[in-house]
């Protein structure tokens, strides 16, 4: 839009809307004589209209140049309101139809001396994690998603998205995170696609068997690397 057209749009807004200014605060309303709330820099008032976020798919979202901290968009592809925080896009809210029954779930345990948890994800694309305590995150590329629960307990972690590898063993951490895995609750394919490597996936785990016996199900068809998948997992007896 050129400057002339932009100016015409702004002028049209002023002529057709009730816009008021008060001490560097703005109110836009469909009613006359409205004042902005004291705590708001921008106050939108309407009884029959809503605030419409920019709508786009993931590729367009990822093309935003230098997104501002707390930038908001609606991801039409995923059916989610998303915000940009600390270098990552995070889901604020998703349609229940998008989230129900479509995640790979596993159970971990934190202790009073080790409340942090970490695992490995390679080749991630919009890899979403619900940490089970009200916090979520979305990761891309090769990552080591990490979360501090700040207390001991059992936590169900739900993930979905695309990744070439998931591993519960984190190299260089003296098995501290592998030892926190307690159970696999749903098949990997419930929420994750694109798995091609099981390298060190269950290395050094201390779980004898999982609730979900067919956790690897159809995902295994695409796996071409199973090196060290069960290395040092002496008690594992899943069949």
C-alpha atoms as a PDB file:
ATOM      1  CA  UNK A   1       0.000   0.000   0.000  1.00  0.00           C
ATOM      2  CA  UNK A   2       1.490   3.383  -0.999  1.00  0.00           C
ATOM      3  CA  UNK A   3       1.461   6.464   1.223  1.00  0.00           C
ATOM      4  CA  UNK A   4      -1.505   8.022  -0.564  1.00  0.00           C
ATOM      5  CA  UNK A   5      -3.713   4.944  -0.190  1.00  0.00           C
ATOM      6  CA  UNK A   6      -2.603   4.464   3.414  1.00  0.00           C
ATOM      7  CA  UNK A   7      -3.568   8.053   4.212  1.00  0.00           C
ATOM      8  CA  UNK A   8      -7.001   7.532   2.671  1.00  0.00           C
ATOM      9  CA  UNK A   9      -7.568   4.419   4.806  1.00  0.00           C
ATOM     10  CA  UNK A  10      -6.597   6.299   7.977  1.00  0.00           C
ATOM     11  CA  UNK A  11      -8.876   9.173   7.040  1.00  0.00           C
ATOM     12  CA  UNK A  12     -11.750   6.749   6.393  1.00  0.00           C
ATOM     13  CA  UNK A  13     -11.263   5.184   9.802  1.00  0.00           C
ATOM     14  CA  UNK A  14     -11.489   8.568  11.506  1.00  0.00           C
ATOM     15  CA  UNK A  15     -14.623   9.469   9.585  1.00  0.00           C
ATOM     16  CA  UNK A  16     -16.469   6.186  10.229  1.00  0.00           C
ATOM     17  CA  UNK A  17     -15.297   5.222  13.737  1.00  0.00           C
ATOM     18  CA  UNK A  18     -15.498   6.716  17.187  1.00  0.00           C
ATOM     19  CA  UNK A  19     -11.810   7.134  17.994  1.00  0.00           C
ATOM     20  CA  UNK A  20     -10.733   9.081  21.070  1.00  0.00           C
ATOM     21  CA  UNK A  21      -7.329   9.963  22.475  1.00  0.00           C
ATOM     22  CA  UNK A  22      -6.508  10.618  26.114  1.00  0.00           C
ATOM     23  CA  UNK A  23      -2.987  11.092  27.511  1.00  0.00           C
ATOM     24  CA  UNK A  24      -1.306   8.789  24.957  1.00  0.00           C
ATOM     25  CA  UNK A  25      -4.136   6.257  25.241  1.00  0.00           C
ATOM     26  CA  UNK A  26      -6.572   5.370  22.450  1.00  0.00           C
ATOM     27  CA  UNK A  27     -10.116   4.011  22.445  1.00  0.00           C
ATOM     28  CA  UNK A  28     -11.910   2.693  19.354  1.00  0.00           C
ATOM     29  CA  UNK A  29     -15.601   2.178  19.964  1.00  0.00           C
ATOM     30  CA  UNK A  30     -18.938   1.751  18.240  1.00  0.00           C
ATOM     31  CA  UNK A  31     -20.402   4.069  20.890  1.00  0.00           C
ATOM     32  CA  UNK A  32     -20.009   7.804  21.374  1.00  0.00           C
ATOM     33  CA  UNK A  33     -18.062   9.506  24.181  1.00  0.00           C
ATOM     34  CA  UNK A  34     -16.036   6.499  25.359  1.00  0.00           C
ATOM     35  CA  UNK A  35     -12.774   6.894  27.298  1.00  0.00           C
ATOM     36  CA  UNK A  36      -9.897   4.377  27.236  1.00  0.00           C
ATOM     37  CA  UNK A  37      -9.343   2.313  30.356  1.00  0.00           C
ATOM     38  CA  UNK A  38      -6.630   3.747  32.615  1.00  0.00           C
ATOM     39  CA  UNK A  39      -4.524   0.570  32.297  1.00  0.00           C
ATOM     40  CA  UNK A  40      -4.746   0.255  28.503  1.00  0.00           C
ATOM     41  CA  UNK A  41      -2.781   1.998  25.780  1.00  0.00           C
ATOM     42  CA  UNK A  42      -5.430   0.781  23.302  1.00  0.00           C
ATOM     43  CA  UNK A  43      -9.033   0.027  24.325  1.00  0.00           C
ATOM     44  CA  UNK A  44     -11.458  -1.574  21.850  1.00  0.00           C
ATOM     45  CA  UNK A  45     -15.149  -1.325  22.775  1.00  0.00           C
ATOM     46  CA  UNK A  46     -17.970  -3.105  20.971  1.00  0.00           C
ATOM     47  CA  UNK A  47     -21.056  -5.128  21.817  1.00  0.00           C
ATOM     48  CA  UNK A  48     -21.357  -6.947  18.497  1.00  0.00           C
ATOM     49  CA  UNK A  49     -17.841  -7.151  17.015  1.00  0.00           C
ATOM     50  CA  UNK A  50     -14.548  -8.813  17.965  1.00  0.00           C
ATOM     51  CA  UNK A  51     -10.807  -8.225  17.625  1.00  0.00           C
ATOM     52  CA  UNK A  52      -9.459 -10.110  14.593  1.00  0.00           C
ATOM     53  CA  UNK A  53      -5.875 -11.364  14.712  1.00  0.00           C
ATOM     54  CA  UNK A  54      -3.756 -11.703  11.565  1.00  0.00           C
ATOM     55  CA  UNK A  55      -4.446 -15.153  10.070  1.00  0.00           C
ATOM     56  CA  UNK A  56      -1.799 -17.241   8.309  1.00  0.00           C
ATOM     57  CA  UNK A  57      -0.257 -20.712   7.954  1.00  0.00           C
ATOM     58  CA  UNK A  58       3.011 -21.863   9.506  1.00  0.00           C
ATOM     59  CA  UNK A  59       5.191 -21.080   6.454  1.00  0.00           C
ATOM     60  CA  UNK A  60       3.947 -17.497   6.357  1.00  0.00           C
ATOM     61  CA  UNK A  61       4.393 -17.165  10.121  1.00  0.00           C
ATOM     62  CA  UNK A  62       7.981 -18.388   9.841  1.00  0.00           C
ATOM     63  CA  UNK A  63       8.647 -15.775   7.157  1.00  0.00           C
ATOM     64  CA  UNK A  64       7.903 -12.870   9.512  1.00  0.00           C
ATOM     65  CA  UNK A  65      11.088 -10.829   9.699  1.00  0.00           C
ATOM     66  CA  UNK A  66      12.393 -10.351  13.274  1.00  0.00           C
ATOM     67  CA  UNK A  67       9.090 -10.982  15.092  1.00  0.00           C
ATOM     68  CA  UNK A  68       8.607  -8.855  18.186  1.00  0.00           C
ATOM     69  CA  UNK A  69       8.450 -10.423  21.620  1.00  0.00           C
ATOM     70  CA  UNK A  70       4.796 -11.312  22.396  1.00  0.00           C
ATOM     71  CA  UNK A  71       3.664 -10.933  18.746  1.00  0.00           C
ATOM     72  CA  UNK A  72       0.269 -12.627  18.262  1.00  0.00           C
ATOM     73  CA  UNK A  73      -1.150 -14.453  15.208  1.00  0.00           C
ATOM     74  CA  UNK A  74      -3.795 -17.064  14.442  1.00  0.00           C
ATOM     75  CA  UNK A  75      -2.338 -20.156  12.745  1.00  0.00           C
ATOM     76  CA  UNK A  76      -5.030 -21.326  10.329  1.00  0.00           C
ATOM     77  CA  UNK A  77      -3.129 -24.515   9.540  1.00  0.00           C
ATOM     78  CA  UNK A  78      -3.083 -25.655  13.182  1.00  0.00           C
ATOM     79  CA  UNK A  79      -6.198 -23.904  14.453  1.00  0.00           C
ATOM     80  CA  UNK A  80      -4.191 -22.169  17.193  1.00  0.00           C
ATOM     81  CA  UNK A  81      -3.592 -18.693  18.592  1.00  0.00           C
ATOM     82  CA  UNK A  82       0.194 -18.362  18.830  1.00  0.00           C
ATOM     83  CA  UNK A  83       2.610 -15.895  20.422  1.00  0.00           C
ATOM     84  CA  UNK A  84       6.331 -15.340  19.882  1.00  0.00           C
ATOM     85  CA  UNK A  85       8.343 -15.539  23.122  1.00  0.00           C
ATOM     86  CA  UNK A  86      12.099 -15.982  23.630  1.00  0.00           C
ATOM     87  CA  UNK A  87      12.818 -16.975  20.037  1.00  0.00           C
ATOM     88  CA  UNK A  88      10.032 -19.551  19.671  1.00  0.00           C
ATOM     89  CA  UNK A  89       6.376 -19.611  18.634  1.00  0.00           C
ATOM     90  CA  UNK A  90       4.168 -20.890  21.472  1.00  0.00           C
ATOM     91  CA  UNK A  91       0.540 -21.976  21.321  1.00  0.00           C
ATOM     92  CA  UNK A  92      -1.698 -19.875  23.557  1.00  0.00           C
ATOM     93  CA  UNK A  93      -4.898 -21.730  22.676  1.00  0.00           C
ATOM     94  CA  UNK A  94      -5.902 -24.382  20.150  1.00  0.00           C
ATOM     95  CA  UNK A  95      -9.252 -25.630  18.963  1.00  0.00           C
ATOM     96  CA  UNK A  96     -10.267 -28.738  20.967  1.00  0.00           C
ATOM     97  CA  UNK A  97     -10.785 -30.539  17.668  1.00  0.00           C
ATOM     98  CA  UNK A  98      -7.116 -29.927  16.887  1.00  0.00           C
ATOM     99  CA  UNK A  99      -5.769 -31.128  20.218  1.00  0.00           C
ATOM    100  CA  UNK A 100      -7.977 -33.986  21.377  1.00  0.00           C
ATOM    101  CA  UNK A 101      -6.447 -37.453  21.103  1.00  0.00           C
ATOM    102  CA  UNK A 102      -3.596 -36.509  18.755  1.00  0.00           C
ATOM    103  CA  UNK A 103      -0.483 -36.524  20.914  1.00  0.00           C
ATOM    104  CA  UNK A 104       2.328 -38.860  21.898  1.00  0.00           C
ATOM    105  CA  UNK A 105       2.234 -38.998  25.695  1.00  0.00           C
ATOM    106  CA  UNK A 106       4.869 -40.185  28.150  1.00  0.00           C
ATOM    107  CA  UNK A 107       5.284 -40.013  31.916  1.00  0.00           C
ATOM    108  CA  UNK A 108       8.317 -38.693  33.770  1.00  0.00           C
ATOM    109  CA  UNK A 109       9.184 -38.206  37.430  1.00  0.00           C
ATOM    110  CA  UNK A 110      11.064 -35.301  38.962  1.00  0.00           C
ATOM    111  CA  UNK A 111      12.684 -35.387  42.389  1.00  0.00           C
ATOM    112  CA  UNK A 112      13.340 -32.733  45.002  1.00  0.00           C
ATOM    113  CA  UNK A 113      17.010 -32.745  44.012  1.00  0.00           C
ATOM    114  CA  UNK A 114      16.376 -32.704  40.239  1.00  0.00           C
ATOM    115  CA  UNK A 115      13.238 -30.834  39.169  1.00  0.00           C
ATOM    116  CA  UNK A 116      14.421 -30.164  35.613  1.00  0.00           C
ATOM    117  CA  UNK A 117      13.690 -32.449  32.669  1.00  0.00           C
ATOM    118  CA  UNK A 118      15.230 -32.580  29.186  1.00  0.00           C
ATOM    119  CA  UNK A 119      15.008 -34.821  26.132  1.00  0.00           C
ATOM    120  CA  UNK A 120      16.253 -34.721  22.537  1.00  0.00           C
ATOM    121  CA  UNK A 121      14.393 -33.849  19.339  1.00  0.00           C
ATOM    122  CA  UNK A 122      16.131 -33.744  15.941  1.00  0.00           C
ATOM    123  CA  UNK A 123      14.787 -32.350  12.684  1.00  0.00           C
ATOM    124  CA  UNK A 124      11.760 -30.812  14.370  1.00  0.00           C
ATOM    125  CA  UNK A 125       9.056 -28.920  12.507  1.00  0.00           C
ATOM    126  CA  UNK A 126       6.444 -27.185  14.669  1.00  0.00           C
ATOM    127  CA  UNK A 127       7.142 -29.715  17.407  1.00  0.00           C
ATOM    128  CA  UNK A 128       4.699 -28.752  20.162  1.00  0.00           C
ATOM    129  CA  UNK A 129       5.165 -29.820  23.786  1.00  0.00           C
ATOM    130  CA  UNK A 130       2.676 -29.666  26.635  1.00  0.00           C
ATOM    131  CA  UNK A 131       4.835 -30.135  29.748  1.00  0.00           C
ATOM    132  CA  UNK A 132       1.844 -31.193  31.822  1.00  0.00           C
ATOM    133  CA  UNK A 133       1.915 -28.310  34.297  1.00  0.00           C
ATOM    134  CA  UNK A 134       0.256 -25.605  32.218  1.00  0.00           C
ATOM    135  CA  UNK A 135       3.381 -24.707  30.210  1.00  0.00           C
ATOM    136  CA  UNK A 136       3.815 -25.348  26.491  1.00  0.00           C
ATOM    137  CA  UNK A 137       6.466 -24.711  23.843  1.00  0.00           C
ATOM    138  CA  UNK A 138       7.096 -25.176  20.126  1.00  0.00           C
ATOM    139  CA  UNK A 139      10.478 -26.191  18.706  1.00  0.00           C
ATOM    140  CA  UNK A 140      12.093 -26.359  15.277  1.00  0.00           C
ATOM    141  CA  UNK A 141      15.343 -27.911  14.063  1.00  0.00           C
ATOM    142  CA  UNK A 142      17.613 -29.909  16.389  1.00  0.00           C
ATOM    143  CA  UNK A 143      16.705 -29.117  19.981  1.00  0.00           C
ATOM    144  CA  UNK A 144      16.960 -30.271  23.572  1.00  0.00           C
ATOM    145  CA  UNK A 145      13.622 -29.130  25.022  1.00  0.00           C
ATOM    146  CA  UNK A 146      14.098 -28.365  28.711  1.00  0.00           C
ATOM    147  CA  UNK A 147      11.653 -27.501  31.468  1.00  0.00           C
ATOM    148  CA  UNK A 148      12.029 -26.912  35.204  1.00  0.00           C
ATOM    149  CA  UNK A 149       8.973 -28.051  37.181  1.00  0.00           C
ATOM    150  CA  UNK A 150      10.401 -26.507  40.358  1.00  0.00           C
ATOM    151  CA  UNK A 151       8.999 -29.386  42.426  1.00  0.00           C
ATOM    152  CA  UNK A 152       9.011 -33.161  42.603  1.00  0.00           C
ATOM    153  CA  UNK A 153       6.193 -35.203  41.092  1.00  0.00           C
ATOM    154  CA  UNK A 154       4.915 -37.246  38.173  1.00  0.00           C
ATOM    155  CA  UNK A 155       4.194 -35.378  34.937  1.00  0.00           C
ATOM    156  CA  UNK A 156       2.526 -36.456  31.687  1.00  0.00           C
ATOM    157  CA  UNK A 157       4.241 -34.800  28.731  1.00  0.00           C
ATOM    158  CA  UNK A 158       2.292 -34.606  25.453  1.00  0.00           C
ATOM    159  CA  UNK A 159       3.960 -33.857  22.132  1.00  0.00           C
ATOM    160  CA  UNK A 160       2.935 -33.541  18.514  1.00  0.00           C
ATOM    161  CA  UNK A 161       4.530 -32.427  15.292  1.00  0.00           C
ATOM    162  CA  UNK A 162       7.249 -33.667  12.967  1.00  0.00           C
ATOM    163  CA  UNK A 163      10.705 -34.898  14.001  1.00  0.00           C
ATOM    164  CA  UNK A 164      13.331 -37.246  12.583  1.00  0.00           C
ATOM    165  CA  UNK A 165      14.388 -38.465  16.040  1.00  0.00           C
ATOM    166  CA  UNK A 166      13.241 -38.460  19.654  1.00  0.00           C
ATOM    167  CA  UNK A 167      15.572 -39.672  22.394  1.00  0.00           C
ATOM    168  CA  UNK A 168      15.045 -39.872  26.139  1.00  0.00           C
ATOM    169  CA  UNK A 169      18.803 -40.101  26.628  1.00  0.00           C
ATOM    170  CA  UNK A 170      20.666 -36.790  26.505  1.00  0.00           C
ATOM    171  CA  UNK A 171      24.367 -37.232  25.706  1.00  0.00           C
ATOM    172  CA  UNK A 172      26.748 -35.757  28.261  1.00  0.00           C
ATOM    173  CA  UNK A 173      24.258 -35.656  31.145  1.00  0.00           C
ATOM    174  CA  UNK A 174      25.387 -38.832  32.964  1.00  0.00           C
ATOM    175  CA  UNK A 175      21.989 -40.489  32.352  1.00  0.00           C
ATOM    176  CA  UNK A 176      20.212 -38.120  34.756  1.00  0.00           C
ATOM    177  CA  UNK A 177      17.327 -37.456  32.353  1.00  0.00           C
ATOM    178  CA  UNK A 178      17.003 -40.992  30.953  1.00  0.00           C
ATOM    179  CA  UNK A 179      16.419 -42.170  34.513  1.00  0.00           C
ATOM    180  CA  UNK A 180      13.368 -39.909  34.842  1.00  0.00           C
ATOM    181  CA  UNK A 181      11.311 -41.667  32.160  1.00  0.00           C
ATOM    182  CA  UNK A 182       8.612 -43.758  33.856  1.00  0.00           C
ATOM    183  CA  UNK A 183       6.151 -44.817  31.151  1.00  0.00           C
ATOM    184  CA  UNK A 184       5.073 -44.539  27.509  1.00  0.00           C
ATOM    185  CA  UNK A 185       1.303 -43.944  27.473  1.00  0.00           C
ATOM    186  CA  UNK A 186       0.342 -43.687  23.787  1.00  0.00           C
ATOM    187  CA  UNK A 187       1.814 -44.733  20.411  1.00  0.00           C
ATOM    188  CA  UNK A 188       4.384 -42.338  18.991  1.00  0.00           C
ATOM    189  CA  UNK A 189       2.322 -42.114  15.803  1.00  0.00           C
ATOM    190  CA  UNK A 190      -0.545 -40.540  17.766  1.00  0.00           C
ATOM    191  CA  UNK A 191       1.259 -37.230  17.594  1.00  0.00           C
ATOM    192  CA  UNK A 192       4.591 -37.493  15.771  1.00  0.00           C
ATOM    193  CA  UNK A 193       5.459 -38.076  12.124  1.00  0.00           C
ATOM    194  CA  UNK A 194       8.746 -38.279  10.218  1.00  0.00           C
ATOM    195  CA  UNK A 195      10.754 -40.509  12.610  1.00  0.00           C
ATOM    196  CA  UNK A 196      13.745 -42.013  10.759  1.00  0.00           C
ATOM    197  CA  UNK A 197      16.179 -42.624  13.643  1.00  0.00           C
ATOM    198  CA  UNK A 198      15.947 -44.385  17.010  1.00  0.00           C
ATOM    199  CA  UNK A 199      19.575 -43.657  17.897  1.00  0.00           C
ATOM    200  CA  UNK A 200      20.009 -43.823  21.709  1.00  0.00           C
ATOM    201  CA  UNK A 201      16.219 -43.530  22.091  1.00  0.00           C
ATOM    202  CA  UNK A 202      16.021 -45.622  25.276  1.00  0.00           C
ATOM    203  CA  UNK A 203      19.681 -45.724  26.227  1.00  0.00           C
ATOM    204  CA  UNK A 204      20.166 -46.151  29.990  1.00  0.00           C
ATOM    205  CA  UNK A 205      16.449 -46.115  30.828  1.00  0.00           C
ATOM    206  CA  UNK A 206      15.348 -47.927  33.982  1.00  0.00           C
ATOM    207  CA  UNK A 207      11.789 -48.887  32.971  1.00  0.00           C
ATOM    208  CA  UNK A 208      10.937 -52.571  32.623  1.00  0.00           C
ATOM    209  CA  UNK A 209       7.829 -52.184  30.446  1.00  0.00           C
ATOM    210  CA  UNK A 210       5.430 -49.551  29.125  1.00  0.00           C
ATOM    211  CA  UNK A 211       1.646 -49.146  29.403  1.00  0.00           C
ATOM    212  CA  UNK A 212       1.449 -48.742  25.614  1.00  0.00           C
ATOM    213  CA  UNK A 213       2.861 -52.006  24.290  1.00  0.00           C
ATOM    214  CA  UNK A 214       2.695 -50.922  20.637  1.00  0.00           C
ATOM    215  CA  UNK A 215       4.283 -47.507  21.220  1.00  0.00           C
ATOM    216  CA  UNK A 216       6.601 -47.900  18.189  1.00  0.00           C
ATOM    217  CA  UNK A 217       3.834 -49.282  15.896  1.00  0.00           C
ATOM    218  CA  UNK A 218       3.801 -47.826  12.364  1.00  0.00           C
ATOM    219  CA  UNK A 219       6.561 -45.323  13.146  1.00  0.00           C
ATOM    220  CA  UNK A 220       9.162 -48.099  12.988  1.00  0.00           C
ATOM    221  CA  UNK A 221       8.562 -48.501   9.237  1.00  0.00           C
ATOM    222  CA  UNK A 222      10.549 -45.353   8.489  1.00  0.00           C
ATOM    223  CA  UNK A 223      13.428 -45.967  10.914  1.00  0.00           C
ATOM    224  CA  UNK A 224      16.822 -46.596   9.283  1.00  0.00           C
ATOM    225  CA  UNK A 225      19.077 -46.123  12.331  1.00  0.00           C
ATOM    226  CA  UNK A 226      18.617 -48.123  15.541  1.00  0.00           C
ATOM    227  CA  UNK A 227      22.183 -47.787  16.820  1.00  0.00           C
ATOM    228  CA  UNK A 228      22.422 -47.875  20.643  1.00  0.00           C
ATOM    229  CA  UNK A 229      18.628 -47.769  20.889  1.00  0.00           C
ATOM    230  CA  UNK A 230      18.616 -49.900  24.068  1.00  0.00           C
ATOM    231  CA  UNK A 231      22.228 -49.579  25.129  1.00  0.00           C
ATOM    232  CA  UNK A 232      22.652 -50.015  28.909  1.00  0.00           C
ATOM    233  CA  UNK A 233      18.862 -50.438  29.311  1.00  0.00           C
ATOM    234  CA  UNK A 234      19.395 -53.607  31.354  1.00  0.00           C
ATOM    235  CA  UNK A 235      15.872 -54.028  32.756  1.00  0.00           C
ATOM    236  CA  UNK A 236      13.888 -53.209  29.596  1.00  0.00           C
ATOM    237  CA  UNK A 237      11.531 -56.097  28.800  1.00  0.00           C
ATOM    238  CA  UNK A 238       8.920 -54.667  26.425  1.00  0.00           C
ATOM    239  CA  UNK A 239       7.370 -57.139  23.995  1.00  0.00           C
END
